[in-house]
């Protein structure tokens, strides 16, 4: 399922940098995110998730499943929504590690090799 932003001027899709961060840091993000209903409502209010995504995410009862779905949603949204997601995470101290990962992670791809 593909989620499109309806806001004019959004940068879509995410750049390779953000996609690499999401992919290379996926396991750490699944473990470090603390997404509760208040956080979901904040994300909806700031426009980084849609109402249908809010309902879908709020029905996930385990933190791990909610985190996995949230990351799937984020990678299908615009760059603006990605940045808003980070801003929402920063508002809640328990998500500061995840915000740092998303903002500053140096994603590594298979094309990174160490020369000997």
PDB file of N, CA and C in Angstrom:
ATOM      1  N   UNK A   1       0.845  -1.173   0.000  1.00  0.00           N
ATOM      2  CA  UNK A   1       0.000   0.000   0.000  1.00  0.00           C
ATOM      3  C   UNK A   1       0.891   1.237   0.000  1.00  0.00           C
ATOM      4  N   UNK A   2       0.624   2.185  -0.854  1.00  0.00           N
ATOM      5  CA  UNK A   2       1.413   3.391  -0.986  1.00  0.00           C
ATOM      6  C   UNK A   2       0.645   4.564  -0.420  1.00  0.00           C
ATOM      7  N   UNK A   3       1.269   5.334   0.476  1.00  0.00           N
ATOM      8  CA  UNK A   3       0.629   6.475   1.104  1.00  0.00           C
ATOM      9  C   UNK A   3       1.186   7.740   0.479  1.00  0.00           C
ATOM     10  N   UNK A   4       0.339   8.532  -0.114  1.00  0.00           N
ATOM     11  CA  UNK A   4       0.780   9.769  -0.745  1.00  0.00           C
ATOM     12  C   UNK A   4       0.334  10.955   0.092  1.00  0.00           C
ATOM     13  N   UNK A   5       1.181  11.962   0.166  1.00  0.00           N
ATOM     14  CA  UNK A   5       0.819  13.205   0.824  1.00  0.00           C
ATOM     15  C   UNK A   5       0.017  14.041  -0.156  1.00  0.00           C
ATOM     16  N   UNK A   6      -0.969  14.756   0.357  1.00  0.00           N
ATOM     17  CA  UNK A   6      -1.780  15.583  -0.510  1.00  0.00           C
ATOM     18  C   UNK A   6      -1.396  17.058  -0.425  1.00  0.00           C
ATOM     19  N   UNK A   7      -0.315  17.378   0.225  1.00  0.00           N
ATOM     20  CA  UNK A   7       0.119  18.760   0.373  1.00  0.00           C
ATOM     21  C   UNK A   7       1.011  19.150  -0.814  1.00  0.00           C
ATOM     22  N   UNK A   8       0.704  20.259  -1.436  1.00  0.00           N
ATOM     23  CA  UNK A   8       1.488  20.751  -2.559  1.00  0.00           C
ATOM     24  C   UNK A   8       2.854  21.193  -2.037  1.00  0.00           C
ATOM     25  N   UNK A   9       3.891  20.878  -2.760  1.00  0.00           N
ATOM     26  CA  UNK A   9       5.226  21.317  -2.399  1.00  0.00           C
ATOM     27  C   UNK A   9       5.987  20.340  -1.516  1.00  0.00           C
ATOM     28  N   UNK A  10       5.366  19.266  -1.082  1.00  0.00           N
ATOM     29  CA  UNK A  10       6.094  18.267  -0.310  1.00  0.00           C
ATOM     30  C   UNK A  10       7.133  17.608  -1.199  1.00  0.00           C
ATOM     31  N   UNK A  11       8.263  17.314  -0.618  1.00  0.00           N
ATOM     32  CA  UNK A  11       9.290  16.584  -1.338  1.00  0.00           C
ATOM     33  C   UNK A  11       8.996  15.105  -1.173  1.00  0.00           C
ATOM     34  N   UNK A  12       8.723  14.460  -2.268  1.00  0.00           N
ATOM     35  CA  UNK A  12       8.373  13.050  -2.223  1.00  0.00           C
ATOM     36  C   UNK A  12       8.997  12.376  -3.422  1.00  0.00           C
ATOM     37  N   UNK A  13       9.520  11.212  -3.314  1.00  0.00           N
ATOM     38  CA  UNK A  13       9.663  10.386  -2.112  1.00  0.00           C
ATOM     39  C   UNK A  13      10.856  10.830  -1.270  1.00  0.00           C
ATOM     40  N   UNK A  14      11.090  10.107  -0.193  1.00  0.00           N
ATOM     41  CA  UNK A  14      12.257  10.376   0.633  1.00  0.00           C
ATOM     42  C   UNK A  14      13.508  10.219  -0.213  1.00  0.00           C
ATOM     43  N   UNK A  15      14.544  10.923   0.184  1.00  0.00           N
ATOM     44  CA  UNK A  15      15.806  10.799  -0.550  1.00  0.00           C
ATOM     45  C   UNK A  15      16.495   9.493  -0.160  1.00  0.00           C
ATOM     46  N   UNK A  16      17.537   9.180  -0.890  1.00  0.00           N
ATOM     47  CA  UNK A  16      18.302   7.965  -0.600  1.00  0.00           C
ATOM     48  C   UNK A  16      18.871   8.000   0.816  1.00  0.00           C
ATOM     49  N   UNK A  17      19.253   9.185   1.281  1.00  0.00           N
ATOM     50  CA  UNK A  17      19.820   9.328   2.628  1.00  0.00           C
ATOM     51  C   UNK A  17      18.826   8.850   3.691  1.00  0.00           C
ATOM     52  N   UNK A  18      17.592   9.351   3.645  1.00  0.00           N
ATOM     53  CA  UNK A  18      16.589   8.966   4.640  1.00  0.00           C
ATOM     54  C   UNK A  18      16.225   7.485   4.518  1.00  0.00           C
ATOM     55  N   UNK A  19      16.106   7.006   3.298  1.00  0.00           N
ATOM     56  CA  UNK A  19      15.778   5.596   3.105  1.00  0.00           C
ATOM     57  C   UNK A  19      16.892   4.697   3.642  1.00  0.00           C
ATOM     58  N   UNK A  20      18.141   5.099   3.442  1.00  0.00           N
ATOM     59  CA  UNK A  20      19.277   4.334   3.948  1.00  0.00           C
ATOM     60  C   UNK A  20      19.279   4.331   5.477  1.00  0.00           C
ATOM     61  N   UNK A  21      19.015   5.482   6.063  1.00  0.00           N
ATOM     62  CA  UNK A  21      18.935   5.555   7.532  1.00  0.00           C
ATOM     63  C   UNK A  21      17.849   4.621   8.050  1.00  0.00           C
ATOM     64  N   UNK A  22      16.665   4.684   7.449  1.00  0.00           N
ATOM     65  CA  UNK A  22      15.561   3.826   7.891  1.00  0.00           C
ATOM     66  C   UNK A  22      15.909   2.349   7.747  1.00  0.00           C
ATOM     67  N   UNK A  23      16.551   1.997   6.652  1.00  0.00           N
ATOM     68  CA  UNK A  23      16.888   0.593   6.409  1.00  0.00           C
ATOM     69  C   UNK A  23      18.009   0.119   7.331  1.00  0.00           C
ATOM     70  N   UNK A  24      19.099   0.887   7.395  1.00  0.00           N
ATOM     71  CA  UNK A  24      20.263   0.436   8.163  1.00  0.00           C
ATOM     72  C   UNK A  24      20.030   0.504   9.672  1.00  0.00           C
ATOM     73  N   UNK A  25      19.112   1.329  10.115  1.00  0.00           N
ATOM     74  CA  UNK A  25      18.857   1.506  11.554  1.00  0.00           C
ATOM     75  C   UNK A  25      17.546   0.871  11.990  1.00  0.00           C
ATOM     76  N   UNK A  26      16.934   0.092  11.133  1.00  0.00           N
ATOM     77  CA  UNK A  26      15.600  -0.450  11.398  1.00  0.00           C
ATOM     78  C   UNK A  26      15.506  -1.170  12.744  1.00  0.00           C
ATOM     79  N   UNK A  27      16.415  -2.074  13.006  1.00  0.00           N
ATOM     80  CA  UNK A  27      16.369  -2.848  14.261  1.00  0.00           C
ATOM     81  C   UNK A  27      16.504  -1.953  15.480  1.00  0.00           C
ATOM     82  N   UNK A  28      17.444  -1.006  15.414  1.00  0.00           N
ATOM     83  CA  UNK A  28      17.623  -0.080  16.549  1.00  0.00           C
ATOM     84  C   UNK A  28      16.396   0.786  16.744  1.00  0.00           C
ATOM     85  N   UNK A  29      15.773   1.218  15.655  1.00  0.00           N
ATOM     86  CA  UNK A  29      14.580   2.046  15.755  1.00  0.00           C
ATOM     87  C   UNK A  29      13.408   1.267  16.324  1.00  0.00           C
ATOM     88  N   UNK A  30      13.238   0.028  15.888  1.00  0.00           N
ATOM     89  CA  UNK A  30      12.149  -0.803  16.423  1.00  0.00           C
ATOM     90  C   UNK A  30      12.295  -0.941  17.937  1.00  0.00           C
ATOM     91  N   UNK A  31      13.528  -1.068  18.406  1.00  0.00           N
ATOM     92  CA  UNK A  31      13.774  -1.224  19.839  1.00  0.00           C
ATOM     93  C   UNK A  31      13.656   0.094  20.606  1.00  0.00           C
ATOM     94  N   UNK A  32      14.018   1.212  19.994  1.00  0.00           N
ATOM     95  CA  UNK A  32      14.092   2.462  20.747  1.00  0.00           C
ATOM     96  C   UNK A  32      12.838   3.326  20.683  1.00  0.00           C
ATOM     97  N   UNK A  33      11.990   3.150  19.672  1.00  0.00           N
ATOM     98  CA  UNK A  33      10.775   3.961  19.580  1.00  0.00           C
ATOM     99  C   UNK A  33       9.807   3.642  20.714  1.00  0.00           C
ATOM    100  N   UNK A  34       9.186   4.674  21.230  1.00  0.00           N
ATOM    101  CA  UNK A  34       8.142   4.538  22.259  1.00  0.00           C
ATOM    102  C   UNK A  34       6.918   5.300  21.746  1.00  0.00           C
ATOM    103  N   UNK A  35       6.158   4.635  20.895  1.00  0.00           N
ATOM    104  CA  UNK A  35       5.000   5.264  20.268  1.00  0.00           C
ATOM    105  C   UNK A  35       3.742   4.865  21.037  1.00  0.00           C
ATOM    106  N   UNK A  36       3.123   5.841  21.702  1.00  0.00           N
ATOM    107  CA  UNK A  36       1.866   5.599  22.408  1.00  0.00           C
ATOM    108  C   UNK A  36       0.755   6.401  21.719  1.00  0.00           C
ATOM    109  N   UNK A  37      -0.450   6.329  22.242  1.00  0.00           N
ATOM    110  CA  UNK A  37      -1.588   6.996  21.596  1.00  0.00           C
ATOM    111  C   UNK A  37      -1.405   8.511  21.578  1.00  0.00           C
ATOM    112  N   UNK A  38      -0.827   9.077  22.632  1.00  0.00           N
ATOM    113  CA  UNK A  38      -0.589  10.526  22.646  1.00  0.00           C
ATOM    114  C   UNK A  38       0.398  10.930  21.560  1.00  0.00           C
ATOM    115  N   UNK A  39       1.423  10.116  21.381  1.00  0.00           N
ATOM    116  CA  UNK A  39       2.404  10.381  20.330  1.00  0.00           C
ATOM    117  C   UNK A  39       1.737  10.275  18.958  1.00  0.00           C
ATOM    118  N   UNK A  40       0.896   9.287  18.771  1.00  0.00           N
ATOM    119  CA  UNK A  40       0.191   9.131  17.495  1.00  0.00           C
ATOM    120  C   UNK A  40      -0.694  10.338  17.216  1.00  0.00           C
ATOM    121  N   UNK A  41      -1.384  10.827  18.242  1.00  0.00           N
ATOM    122  CA  UNK A  41      -2.241  12.003  18.067  1.00  0.00           C
ATOM    123  C   UNK A  41      -1.415  13.236  17.711  1.00  0.00           C
ATOM    124  N   UNK A  42      -0.253  13.379  18.321  1.00  0.00           N
ATOM    125  CA  UNK A  42       0.663  14.477  17.990  1.00  0.00           C
ATOM    126  C   UNK A  42       1.095  14.373  16.527  1.00  0.00           C
ATOM    127  N   UNK A  43       1.419  13.166  16.100  1.00  0.00           N
ATOM    128  CA  UNK A  43       1.847  12.944  14.720  1.00  0.00           C
ATOM    129  C   UNK A  43       0.733  13.253  13.729  1.00  0.00           C
ATOM    130  N   UNK A  44      -0.485  12.908  14.105  1.00  0.00           N
ATOM    131  CA  UNK A  44      -1.629  13.219  13.255  1.00  0.00           C
ATOM    132  C   UNK A  44      -1.838  14.737  13.195  1.00  0.00           C
ATOM    133  N   UNK A  45      -1.787  15.392  14.358  1.00  0.00           N
ATOM    134  CA  UNK A  45      -2.009  16.839  14.424  1.00  0.00           C
ATOM    135  C   UNK A  45      -0.987  17.623  13.603  1.00  0.00           C
ATOM    136  N   UNK A  46       0.256  17.159  13.574  1.00  0.00           N
ATOM    137  CA  UNK A  46       1.286  17.890  12.823  1.00  0.00           C
ATOM    138  C   UNK A  46       1.359  17.444  11.365  1.00  0.00           C
ATOM    139  N   UNK A  47       0.580  16.444  10.992  1.00  0.00           N
ATOM    140  CA  UNK A  47       0.493  16.047   9.591  1.00  0.00           C
ATOM    141  C   UNK A  47       1.477  14.998   9.128  1.00  0.00           C
ATOM    142  N   UNK A  48       2.136  14.326  10.065  1.00  0.00           N
ATOM    143  CA  UNK A  48       3.081  13.309   9.581  1.00  0.00           C
ATOM    144  C   UNK A  48       2.426  11.949   9.402  1.00  0.00           C
ATOM    145  N   UNK A  49       1.204  11.772   9.867  1.00  0.00           N
ATOM    146  CA  UNK A  49       0.412  10.582   9.533  1.00  0.00           C
ATOM    147  C   UNK A  49      -1.015  11.020   9.228  1.00  0.00           C
ATOM    148  N   UNK A  50      -1.704  10.202   8.461  1.00  0.00           N
ATOM    149  CA  UNK A  50      -3.097  10.481   8.109  1.00  0.00           C
ATOM    150  C   UNK A  50      -4.025   9.868   9.153  1.00  0.00           C
ATOM    151  N   UNK A  51      -5.290  10.195   9.047  1.00  0.00           N
ATOM    152  CA  UNK A  51      -6.263   9.647   9.992  1.00  0.00           C
ATOM    153  C   UNK A  51      -6.357   8.126   9.872  1.00  0.00           C
ATOM    154  N   UNK A  52      -6.331   7.609   8.665  1.00  0.00           N
ATOM    155  CA  UNK A  52      -6.405   6.153   8.513  1.00  0.00           C
ATOM    156  C   UNK A  52      -5.155   5.480   9.078  1.00  0.00           C
ATOM    157  N   UNK A  53      -3.996   6.118   8.948  1.00  0.00           N
ATOM    158  CA  UNK A  53      -2.771   5.581   9.533  1.00  0.00           C
ATOM    159  C   UNK A  53      -2.834   5.639  11.061  1.00  0.00           C
ATOM    160  N   UNK A  54      -3.409   6.711  11.597  1.00  0.00           N
ATOM    161  CA  UNK A  54      -3.598   6.824  13.036  1.00  0.00           C
ATOM    162  C   UNK A  54      -4.425   5.661  13.558  1.00  0.00           C
ATOM    163  N   UNK A  55      -5.532   5.370  12.891  1.00  0.00           N
ATOM    164  CA  UNK A  55      -6.389   4.254  13.316  1.00  0.00           C
ATOM    165  C   UNK A  55      -5.667   2.918  13.182  1.00  0.00           C
ATOM    166  N   UNK A  56      -4.969   2.743  12.088  1.00  0.00           N
ATOM    167  CA  UNK A  56      -4.223   1.490  11.857  1.00  0.00           C
ATOM    168  C   UNK A  56      -3.174   1.285  12.947  1.00  0.00           C
ATOM    169  N   UNK A  57      -2.428   2.321  13.261  1.00  0.00           N
ATOM    170  CA  UNK A  57      -1.375   2.234  14.273  1.00  0.00           C
ATOM    171  C   UNK A  57      -1.936   2.055  15.675  1.00  0.00           C
ATOM    172  N   UNK A  58      -3.026   2.723  15.969  1.00  0.00           N
ATOM    173  CA  UNK A  58      -3.593   2.630  17.323  1.00  0.00           C
ATOM    174  C   UNK A  58      -4.184   1.249  17.600  1.00  0.00           C
ATOM    175  N   UNK A  59      -4.465   0.483  16.566  1.00  0.00           N
ATOM    176  CA  UNK A  59      -4.990  -0.884  16.759  1.00  0.00           C
ATOM    177  C   UNK A  59      -3.894  -1.905  17.049  1.00  0.00           C
ATOM    178  N   UNK A  60      -2.638  -1.509  16.884  1.00  0.00           N
ATOM    179  CA  UNK A  60      -1.527  -2.423  17.172  1.00  0.00           C
ATOM    180  C   UNK A  60      -1.299  -2.437  18.676  1.00  0.00           C
ATOM    181  N   UNK A  61      -1.401  -3.612  19.272  1.00  0.00           N
ATOM    182  CA  UNK A  61      -1.321  -3.698  20.728  1.00  0.00           C
ATOM    183  C   UNK A  61       0.096  -3.869  21.250  1.00  0.00           C
ATOM    184  N   UNK A  62       0.973  -4.443  20.466  1.00  0.00           N
ATOM    185  CA  UNK A  62       2.348  -4.586  20.957  1.00  0.00           C
ATOM    186  C   UNK A  62       3.184  -3.408  20.450  1.00  0.00           C
ATOM    187  N   UNK A  63       4.088  -2.963  21.285  1.00  0.00           N
ATOM    188  CA  UNK A  63       4.971  -1.847  20.937  1.00  0.00           C
ATOM    189  C   UNK A  63       5.799  -2.171  19.700  1.00  0.00           C
ATOM    190  N   UNK A  64       6.302  -3.387  19.616  1.00  0.00           N
ATOM    191  CA  UNK A  64       7.128  -3.771  18.477  1.00  0.00           C
ATOM    192  C   UNK A  64       6.344  -3.701  17.165  1.00  0.00           C
ATOM    193  N   UNK A  65       5.119  -4.230  17.156  1.00  0.00           N
ATOM    194  CA  UNK A  65       4.312  -4.183  15.931  1.00  0.00           C
ATOM    195  C   UNK A  65       3.987  -2.746  15.545  1.00  0.00           C
ATOM    196  N   UNK A  66       3.642  -1.921  16.535  1.00  0.00           N
ATOM    197  CA  UNK A  66       3.342  -0.518  16.270  1.00  0.00           C
ATOM    198  C   UNK A  66       4.573   0.189  15.693  1.00  0.00           C
ATOM    199  N   UNK A  67       5.738  -0.093  16.256  1.00  0.00           N
ATOM    200  CA  UNK A  67       6.966   0.525  15.769  1.00  0.00           C
ATOM    201  C   UNK A  67       7.274   0.104  14.336  1.00  0.00           C
ATOM    202  N   UNK A  68       7.105  -1.177  14.042  1.00  0.00           N
ATOM    203  CA  UNK A  68       7.372  -1.666  12.683  1.00  0.00           C
ATOM    204  C   UNK A  68       6.432  -1.018  11.663  1.00  0.00           C
ATOM    205  N   UNK A  69       5.155  -0.932  12.016  1.00  0.00           N
ATOM    206  CA  UNK A  69       4.192  -0.305  11.108  1.00  0.00           C
ATOM    207  C   UNK A  69       4.495   1.185  10.966  1.00  0.00           C
ATOM    208  N   UNK A  70       4.862   1.831  12.077  1.00  0.00           N
ATOM    209  CA  UNK A  70       5.189   3.260  12.035  1.00  0.00           C
ATOM    210  C   UNK A  70       6.357   3.520  11.094  1.00  0.00           C
ATOM    211  N   UNK A  71       7.395   2.716  11.173  1.00  0.00           N
ATOM    212  CA  UNK A  71       8.538   2.883  10.288  1.00  0.00           C
ATOM    213  C   UNK A  71       8.155   2.633   8.828  1.00  0.00           C
ATOM    214  N   UNK A  72       7.265   1.682   8.599  1.00  0.00           N
ATOM    215  CA  UNK A  72       6.782   1.423   7.249  1.00  0.00           C
ATOM    216  C   UNK A  72       6.013   2.636   6.717  1.00  0.00           C
ATOM    217  N   UNK A  73       5.206   3.241   7.568  1.00  0.00           N
ATOM    218  CA  UNK A  73       4.450   4.430   7.179  1.00  0.00           C
ATOM    219  C   UNK A  73       5.399   5.584   6.864  1.00  0.00           C
ATOM    220  N   UNK A  74       6.376   5.805   7.729  1.00  0.00           N
ATOM    221  CA  UNK A  74       7.300   6.929   7.563  1.00  0.00           C
ATOM    222  C   UNK A  74       8.047   6.843   6.237  1.00  0.00           C
ATOM    223  N   UNK A  75       8.461   5.655   5.850  1.00  0.00           N
ATOM    224  CA  UNK A  75       9.230   5.568   4.606  1.00  0.00           C
ATOM    225  C   UNK A  75       8.369   5.746   3.362  1.00  0.00           C
ATOM    226  N   UNK A  76       7.061   5.774   3.521  1.00  0.00           N
ATOM    227  CA  UNK A  76       6.161   5.989   2.387  1.00  0.00           C
ATOM    228  C   UNK A  76       5.616   7.416   2.343  1.00  0.00           C
ATOM    229  N   UNK A  77       6.046   8.235   3.270  1.00  0.00           N
ATOM    230  CA  UNK A  77       5.561   9.616   3.348  1.00  0.00           C
ATOM    231  C   UNK A  77       6.595  10.567   2.742  1.00  0.00           C
ATOM    232  N   UNK A  78       6.306  11.841   2.788  1.00  0.00           N
ATOM    233  CA  UNK A  78       7.191  12.853   2.206  1.00  0.00           C
ATOM    234  C   UNK A  78       8.340  13.195   3.144  1.00  0.00           C
ATOM    235  N   UNK A  79       9.283  13.948   2.606  1.00  0.00           N
ATOM    236  CA  UNK A  79      10.398  14.432   3.411  1.00  0.00           C
ATOM    237  C   UNK A  79       9.889  15.362   4.512  1.00  0.00           C
ATOM    238  N   UNK A  80       8.877  16.155   4.216  1.00  0.00           N
ATOM    239  CA  UNK A  80       8.276  17.030   5.224  1.00  0.00           C
ATOM    240  C   UNK A  80       7.705  16.197   6.363  1.00  0.00           C
ATOM    241  N   UNK A  81       7.005  15.130   6.046  1.00  0.00           N
ATOM    242  CA  UNK A  81       6.427  14.257   7.071  1.00  0.00           C
ATOM    243  C   UNK A  81       7.524  13.566   7.886  1.00  0.00           C
ATOM    244  N   UNK A  82       8.606  13.183   7.228  1.00  0.00           N
ATOM    245  CA  UNK A  82       9.753  12.572   7.915  1.00  0.00           C
ATOM    246  C   UNK A  82      10.307  13.543   8.951  1.00  0.00           C
ATOM    247  N   UNK A  83      10.479  14.802   8.545  1.00  0.00           N
ATOM    248  CA  UNK A  83      10.990  15.825   9.465  1.00  0.00           C
ATOM    249  C   UNK A  83      10.009  16.096  10.602  1.00  0.00           C
ATOM    250  N   UNK A  84       8.735  16.116  10.289  1.00  0.00           N
ATOM    251  CA  UNK A  84       7.710  16.312  11.328  1.00  0.00           C
ATOM    252  C   UNK A  84       7.726  15.144  12.313  1.00  0.00           C
ATOM    253  N   UNK A  85       7.927  13.939  11.808  1.00  0.00           N
ATOM    254  CA  UNK A  85       8.032  12.749  12.650  1.00  0.00           C
ATOM    255  C   UNK A  85       9.180  12.920  13.647  1.00  0.00           C
ATOM    256  N   UNK A  86      10.321  13.371  13.162  1.00  0.00           N
ATOM    257  CA  UNK A  86      11.474  13.606  14.040  1.00  0.00           C
ATOM    258  C   UNK A  86      11.138  14.667  15.079  1.00  0.00           C
ATOM    259  N   UNK A  87      10.480  15.741  14.656  1.00  0.00           N
ATOM    260  CA  UNK A  87      10.101  16.797  15.604  1.00  0.00           C
ATOM    261  C   UNK A  87       9.166  16.276  16.686  1.00  0.00           C
ATOM    262  N   UNK A  88       8.235  15.419  16.317  1.00  0.00           N
ATOM    263  CA  UNK A  88       7.339  14.820  17.313  1.00  0.00           C
ATOM    264  C   UNK A  88       8.131  13.951  18.293  1.00  0.00           C
ATOM    265  N   UNK A  89       9.075  13.188  17.784  1.00  0.00           N
ATOM    266  CA  UNK A  89       9.900  12.339  18.647  1.00  0.00           C
ATOM    267  C   UNK A  89      10.701  13.181  19.641  1.00  0.00           C
ATOM    268  N   UNK A  90      11.198  14.311  19.179  1.00  0.00           N
ATOM    269  CA  UNK A  90      11.992  15.182  20.043  1.00  0.00           C
ATOM    270  C   UNK A  90      11.174  15.750  21.201  1.00  0.00           C
ATOM    271  N   UNK A  91       9.877  15.878  21.013  1.00  0.00           N
ATOM    272  CA  UNK A  91       9.016  16.443  22.050  1.00  0.00           C
ATOM    273  C   UNK A  91       8.867  15.518  23.244  1.00  0.00           C
ATOM    274  N   UNK A  92       9.153  14.258  23.044  1.00  0.00           N
ATOM    275  CA  UNK A  92       9.006  13.282  24.115  1.00  0.00           C
ATOM    276  C   UNK A  92      10.382  12.689  24.404  1.00  0.00           C
ATOM    277  N   UNK A  93      10.892  12.938  25.590  1.00  0.00           N
ATOM    278  CA  UNK A  93      12.261  12.558  25.937  1.00  0.00           C
ATOM    279  C   UNK A  93      12.558  11.078  25.703  1.00  0.00           C
ATOM    280  N   UNK A  94      11.586  10.210  25.906  1.00  0.00           N
ATOM    281  CA  UNK A  94      11.828   8.772  25.746  1.00  0.00           C
ATOM    282  C   UNK A  94      12.099   8.385  24.294  1.00  0.00           C
ATOM    283  N   UNK A  95      11.851   9.305  23.360  1.00  0.00           N
ATOM    284  CA  UNK A  95      12.111   9.032  21.945  1.00  0.00           C
ATOM    285  C   UNK A  95      13.323   9.786  21.407  1.00  0.00           C
ATOM    286  N   UNK A  96      14.114  10.373  22.295  1.00  0.00           N
ATOM    287  CA  UNK A  96      15.239  11.186  21.830  1.00  0.00           C
ATOM    288  C   UNK A  96      16.290  10.357  21.101  1.00  0.00           C
ATOM    289  N   UNK A  97      16.531   9.119  21.539  1.00  0.00           N
ATOM    290  CA  UNK A  97      17.498   8.265  20.840  1.00  0.00           C
ATOM    291  C   UNK A  97      17.052   7.996  19.410  1.00  0.00           C
ATOM    292  N   UNK A  98      15.776   7.697  19.228  1.00  0.00           N
ATOM    293  CA  UNK A  98      15.253   7.439  17.883  1.00  0.00           C
ATOM    294  C   UNK A  98      15.355   8.687  17.011  1.00  0.00           C
ATOM    295  N   UNK A  99      15.080   9.859  17.591  1.00  0.00           N
ATOM    296  CA  UNK A  99      15.186  11.110  16.835  1.00  0.00           C
ATOM    297  C   UNK A  99      16.623  11.343  16.383  1.00  0.00           C
ATOM    298  N   UNK A 100      17.572  11.079  17.258  1.00  0.00           N
ATOM    299  CA  UNK A 100      18.989  11.234  16.900  1.00  0.00           C
ATOM    300  C   UNK A 100      19.385  10.282  15.780  1.00  0.00           C
ATOM    301  N   UNK A 101      18.914   9.061  15.856  1.00  0.00           N
ATOM    302  CA  UNK A 101      19.215   8.083  14.802  1.00  0.00           C
ATOM    303  C   UNK A 101      18.688   8.587  13.461  1.00  0.00           C
ATOM    304  N   UNK A 102      17.438   9.024  13.448  1.00  0.00           N
ATOM    305  CA  UNK A 102      16.818   9.467  12.199  1.00  0.00           C
ATOM    306  C   UNK A 102      17.439  10.740  11.647  1.00  0.00           C
ATOM    307  N   UNK A 103      17.920  11.585  12.524  1.00  0.00           N
ATOM    308  CA  UNK A 103      18.508  12.847  12.095  1.00  0.00           C
ATOM    309  C   UNK A 103      19.963  12.732  11.685  1.00  0.00           C
ATOM    310  N   UNK A 104      20.709  11.900  12.404  1.00  0.00           N
ATOM    311  CA  UNK A 104      22.156  11.933  12.243  1.00  0.00           C
ATOM    312  C   UNK A 104      22.811  10.628  11.832  1.00  0.00           C
ATOM    313  N   UNK A 105      22.063   9.559  11.726  1.00  0.00           N
ATOM    314  CA  UNK A 105      22.670   8.259  11.399  1.00  0.00           C
ATOM    315  C   UNK A 105      23.357   8.335  10.058  1.00  0.00           C
ATOM    316  N   UNK A 106      24.509   7.756  10.003  1.00  0.00           N
ATOM    317  CA  UNK A 106      25.222   7.629   8.740  1.00  0.00           C
ATOM    318  C   UNK A 106      24.910   6.234   8.219  1.00  0.00           C
ATOM    319  N   UNK A 107      23.856   6.123   7.431  1.00  0.00           N
ATOM    320  CA  UNK A 107      23.458   4.832   6.913  1.00  0.00           C
ATOM    321  C   UNK A 107      24.534   4.236   6.043  1.00  0.00           C
ATOM    322  N   UNK A 108      24.768   2.983   6.195  1.00  0.00           N
ATOM    323  CA  UNK A 108      25.791   2.288   5.418  1.00  0.00           C
ATOM    324  C   UNK A 108      25.090   1.364   4.422  1.00  0.00           C
ATOM    325  N   UNK A 109      25.583   1.374   3.227  1.00  0.00           N
ATOM    326  CA  UNK A 109      25.042   0.486   2.210  1.00  0.00           C
ATOM    327  C   UNK A 109      26.097  -0.538   1.845  1.00  0.00           C
ATOM    328  N   UNK A 110      25.722  -1.496   1.033  1.00  0.00           N
ATOM    329  CA  UNK A 110      26.664  -2.534   0.631  1.00  0.00           C
ATOM    330  C   UNK A 110      27.798  -1.970  -0.219  1.00  0.00           C
ATOM    331  N   UNK A 111      27.671  -0.744  -0.697  1.00  0.00           N
ATOM    332  CA  UNK A 111      28.727  -0.144  -1.511  1.00  0.00           C
ATOM    333  C   UNK A 111      29.845   0.452  -0.650  1.00  0.00           C
ATOM    334  N   UNK A 112      29.691   0.433   0.688  1.00  0.00           N
ATOM    335  CA  UNK A 112      30.736   0.930   1.591  1.00  0.00           C
ATOM    336  C   UNK A 112      31.713  -0.209   1.881  1.00  0.00           C
ATOM    337  N   UNK A 113      32.949  -0.045   1.441  1.00  0.00           N
ATOM    338  CA  UNK A 113      33.969  -1.051   1.687  1.00  0.00           C
ATOM    339  C   UNK A 113      35.168  -0.361   2.307  1.00  0.00           C
ATOM    340  N   UNK A 114      35.850  -1.065   3.140  1.00  0.00           N
ATOM    341  CA  UNK A 114      37.078  -0.550   3.718  1.00  0.00           C
ATOM    342  C   UNK A 114      38.238  -0.995   2.854  1.00  0.00           C
ATOM    343  N   UNK A 115      39.044  -0.028   2.440  1.00  0.00           N
ATOM    344  CA  UNK A 115      40.220  -0.365   1.639  1.00  0.00           C
ATOM    345  C   UNK A 115      41.334  -0.800   2.554  1.00  0.00           C
ATOM    346  N   UNK A 116      41.941  -1.922   2.252  1.00  0.00           N
ATOM    347  CA  UNK A 116      43.038  -2.431   3.055  1.00  0.00           C
ATOM    348  C   UNK A 116      44.368  -2.027   2.489  1.00  0.00           C
TER     349      UNK A 116
END
